[in-house]
Amino acid sequence: MGGRIARPVFPLAGTDILTVTRVADTIREKLTARFAPLRLEIEDQSHRHAGHAGARPEGETHFSVTLVSAVFAGESRVSRQRVVYQTLAAELATRVHALSLTTLAPEEDKR
């Protein structure tokens, strides 16, 4: 019965099972859990930074996030962004090089 042993296939060479999750998915999960957003838009802008510091060939290093949440009502822009950065601290310390934030309270959202 000869045969070959199947090896696990990972989508990106050099990754392990813990890093296979898309960064954008992790950002979405964490921000949704923390802020219960009325609107959450996450755009991977890594392609705009190819060849720059912090960019990786596989992307998912530079993101733009728009987050509308009642949690931000009455908070300053700095306070809003600080709590988002705290929520995504692990990603910012490892996989995310740059994060552009637009944080709005519901009454400020003019789409």
C-alpha atoms as a PDB file:
ATOM      1  CA  MET A   1       0.000   0.000   0.000  1.00  0.00           C
ATOM      2  CA  GLY A   2       2.650   2.565  -0.619  1.00  0.00           C
ATOM      3  CA  GLY A   3       1.591   6.110  -0.609  1.00  0.00           C
ATOM      4  CA  ARG A   4       2.501   9.595   0.193  1.00  0.00           C
ATOM      5  CA  ILE A   5       1.932  11.345   3.451  1.00  0.00           C
ATOM      6  CA  ALA A   6      -0.186  14.429   3.009  1.00  0.00           C
ATOM      7  CA  ARG A   7       1.341  17.561   4.394  1.00  0.00           C
ATOM      8  CA  PRO A   8      -0.706  20.525   5.533  1.00  0.00           C
ATOM      9  CA  VAL A   9      -0.914  23.288   2.967  1.00  0.00           C
ATOM     10  CA  PHE A  10      -0.659  26.885   4.146  1.00  0.00           C
ATOM     11  CA  PRO A  11      -1.673  29.776   1.906  1.00  0.00           C
ATOM     12  CA  LEU A  12       1.519  31.744   2.518  1.00  0.00           C
ATOM     13  CA  ALA A  13       4.993  30.255   2.564  1.00  0.00           C
ATOM     14  CA  GLY A  14       6.756  30.657   5.873  1.00  0.00           C
ATOM     15  CA  THR A  15       3.625  31.145   7.942  1.00  0.00           C
ATOM     16  CA  ASP A  16       2.307  29.080  10.774  1.00  0.00           C
ATOM     17  CA  ILE A  17      -1.279  28.243  11.657  1.00  0.00           C
ATOM     18  CA  LEU A  18      -1.577  31.265  13.950  1.00  0.00           C
ATOM     19  CA  THR A  19      -0.810  33.796  11.216  1.00  0.00           C
ATOM     20  CA  VAL A  20      -3.061  32.398   8.495  1.00  0.00           C
ATOM     21  CA  THR A  21      -6.026  34.514   9.626  1.00  0.00           C
ATOM     22  CA  ARG A  22      -6.287  37.593   7.478  1.00  0.00           C
ATOM     23  CA  VAL A  23      -5.276  40.741   9.314  1.00  0.00           C
ATOM     24  CA  ALA A  24      -8.389  42.582   8.094  1.00  0.00           C
ATOM     25  CA  ASP A  25     -10.568  39.832   9.580  1.00  0.00           C
ATOM     26  CA  THR A  26      -8.828  40.141  12.933  1.00  0.00           C
ATOM     27  CA  ILE A  27      -9.238  43.922  12.879  1.00  0.00           C
ATOM     28  CA  ARG A  28     -12.940  43.531  12.035  1.00  0.00           C
ATOM     29  CA  GLU A  29     -13.519  40.995  14.831  1.00  0.00           C
ATOM     30  CA  LYS A  30     -11.772  43.065  17.501  1.00  0.00           C
ATOM     31  CA  LEU A  31     -13.377  46.383  16.549  1.00  0.00           C
ATOM     32  CA  THR A  32     -16.840  44.812  16.290  1.00  0.00           C
ATOM     33  CA  ALA A  33     -16.494  43.193  19.708  1.00  0.00           C
ATOM     34  CA  ARG A  34     -15.225  46.369  21.385  1.00  0.00           C
ATOM     35  CA  PHE A  35     -17.314  49.083  19.677  1.00  0.00           C
ATOM     36  CA  ALA A  36     -20.518  47.482  18.277  1.00  0.00           C
ATOM     37  CA  PRO A  37     -20.134  49.744  15.239  1.00  0.00           C
ATOM     38  CA  LEU A  38     -23.006  51.168  13.232  1.00  0.00           C
ATOM     39  CA  ARG A  39     -20.575  51.310  10.330  1.00  0.00           C
ATOM     40  CA  LEU A  40     -17.167  49.716   9.937  1.00  0.00           C
ATOM     41  CA  GLU A  41     -15.108  50.009   6.770  1.00  0.00           C
ATOM     42  CA  ILE A  42     -11.667  48.447   6.522  1.00  0.00           C
ATOM     43  CA  GLU A  43      -9.553  49.052   3.444  1.00  0.00           C
ATOM     44  CA  ASP A  44      -6.239  47.311   2.870  1.00  0.00           C
ATOM     45  CA  GLN A  45      -4.068  50.022   1.310  1.00  0.00           C
ATOM     46  CA  SER A  46      -0.865  47.987   1.326  1.00  0.00           C
ATOM     47  CA  HIS A  47      -0.609  48.012  -2.466  1.00  0.00           C
ATOM     48  CA  ARG A  48      -0.081  51.788  -2.306  1.00  0.00           C
ATOM     49  CA  HIS A  49       3.010  51.282  -0.139  1.00  0.00           C
ATOM     50  CA  ALA A  50       4.814  48.486  -1.990  1.00  0.00           C
ATOM     51  CA  GLY A  51       8.555  48.931  -1.574  1.00  0.00           C
ATOM     52  CA  HIS A  52       8.197  51.317   1.377  1.00  0.00           C
ATOM     53  CA  ALA A  53       9.345  50.647   4.916  1.00  0.00           C
ATOM     54  CA  GLY A  54       7.099  48.211   6.751  1.00  0.00           C
ATOM     55  CA  ALA A  55       5.485  46.842   3.586  1.00  0.00           C
ATOM     56  CA  ARG A  56       5.525  43.086   3.029  1.00  0.00           C
ATOM     57  CA  PRO A  57       5.109  41.444  -0.386  1.00  0.00           C
ATOM     58  CA  GLU A  58       1.968  39.611   0.743  1.00  0.00           C
ATOM     59  CA  GLY A  59       0.371  42.903   1.847  1.00  0.00           C
ATOM     60  CA  GLU A  60      -1.883  43.452   4.871  1.00  0.00           C
ATOM     61  CA  THR A  61       0.414  46.017   6.454  1.00  0.00           C
ATOM     62  CA  HIS A  62      -1.312  49.350   5.763  1.00  0.00           C
ATOM     63  CA  PHE A  63      -4.995  49.899   6.558  1.00  0.00           C
ATOM     64  CA  SER A  64      -7.565  52.668   6.507  1.00  0.00           C
ATOM     65  CA  VAL A  65     -10.451  52.208   8.973  1.00  0.00           C
ATOM     66  CA  THR A  66     -13.682  54.164   9.295  1.00  0.00           C
ATOM     67  CA  LEU A  67     -15.516  53.352  12.499  1.00  0.00           C
ATOM     68  CA  VAL A  68     -18.861  54.809  13.582  1.00  0.00           C
ATOM     69  CA  SER A  69     -19.894  53.946  17.119  1.00  0.00           C
ATOM     70  CA  ALA A  70     -21.976  55.342  19.963  1.00  0.00           C
ATOM     71  CA  VAL A  71     -18.951  54.680  22.195  1.00  0.00           C
ATOM     72  CA  PHE A  72     -17.342  57.776  20.637  1.00  0.00           C
ATOM     73  CA  ALA A  73     -20.133  60.197  21.597  1.00  0.00           C
ATOM     74  CA  GLY A  74     -18.676  63.034  23.679  1.00  0.00           C
ATOM     75  CA  GLU A  75     -15.076  61.817  23.241  1.00  0.00           C
ATOM     76  CA  SER A  76     -12.276  63.817  21.618  1.00  0.00           C
ATOM     77  CA  ARG A  77     -10.631  62.622  18.413  1.00  0.00           C
ATOM     78  CA  VAL A  78      -7.451  61.774  20.336  1.00  0.00           C
ATOM     79  CA  SER A  79      -9.387  59.793  22.944  1.00  0.00           C
ATOM     80  CA  ARG A  80     -11.254  57.870  20.239  1.00  0.00           C
ATOM     81  CA  GLN A  81      -8.100  56.965  18.380  1.00  0.00           C
ATOM     82  CA  ARG A  82      -6.271  56.042  21.565  1.00  0.00           C
ATOM     83  CA  VAL A  83      -8.899  53.421  22.469  1.00  0.00           C
ATOM     84  CA  VAL A  84      -8.821  51.976  18.929  1.00  0.00           C
ATOM     85  CA  TYR A  85      -5.020  51.717  19.086  1.00  0.00           C
ATOM     86  CA  GLN A  86      -5.318  49.983  22.467  1.00  0.00           C
ATOM     87  CA  THR A  87      -7.833  47.534  21.002  1.00  0.00           C
ATOM     88  CA  LEU A  88      -5.487  46.691  18.123  1.00  0.00           C
ATOM     89  CA  ALA A  89      -2.230  46.824  20.121  1.00  0.00           C
ATOM     90  CA  ALA A  90      -1.179  43.261  19.249  1.00  0.00           C
ATOM     91  CA  GLU A  91      -1.664  43.821  15.520  1.00  0.00           C
ATOM     92  CA  LEU A  92       0.130  47.171  15.588  1.00  0.00           C
ATOM     93  CA  ALA A  93       3.067  45.574  17.414  1.00  0.00           C
ATOM     94  CA  THR A  94       3.420  42.791  14.864  1.00  0.00           C
ATOM     95  CA  ARG A  95       1.584  42.687  11.550  1.00  0.00           C
ATOM     96  CA  VAL A  96       0.222  46.209  10.948  1.00  0.00           C
ATOM     97  CA  HIS A  97       2.713  48.906   9.999  1.00  0.00           C
ATOM     98  CA  ALA A  98       0.280  51.790   9.437  1.00  0.00           C
ATOM     99  CA  LEU A  99      -3.313  52.482  10.452  1.00  0.00           C
ATOM    100  CA  SER A 100      -5.310  55.495   9.267  1.00  0.00           C
ATOM    101  CA  LEU A 101      -8.393  56.102  11.409  1.00  0.00           C
ATOM    102  CA  THR A 102     -11.649  57.968  10.962  1.00  0.00           C
ATOM    103  CA  THR A 103     -13.613  57.618  14.200  1.00  0.00           C
ATOM    104  CA  LEU A 104     -17.096  59.111  14.385  1.00  0.00           C
ATOM    105  CA  ALA A 105     -20.052  59.243  16.735  1.00  0.00           C
ATOM    106  CA  PRO A 106     -23.350  58.387  14.981  1.00  0.00           C
ATOM    107  CA  GLU A 107     -24.472  62.022  14.777  1.00  0.00           C
ATOM    108  CA  GLU A 108     -21.221  62.927  12.972  1.00  0.00           C
ATOM    109  CA  ASP A 109     -21.581  60.279  10.271  1.00  0.00           C
ATOM    110  CA  LYS A 110     -22.472  62.019   7.018  1.00  0.00           C
ATOM    111  CA  ARG A 111     -21.418  59.179   4.692  1.00  0.00           C
END
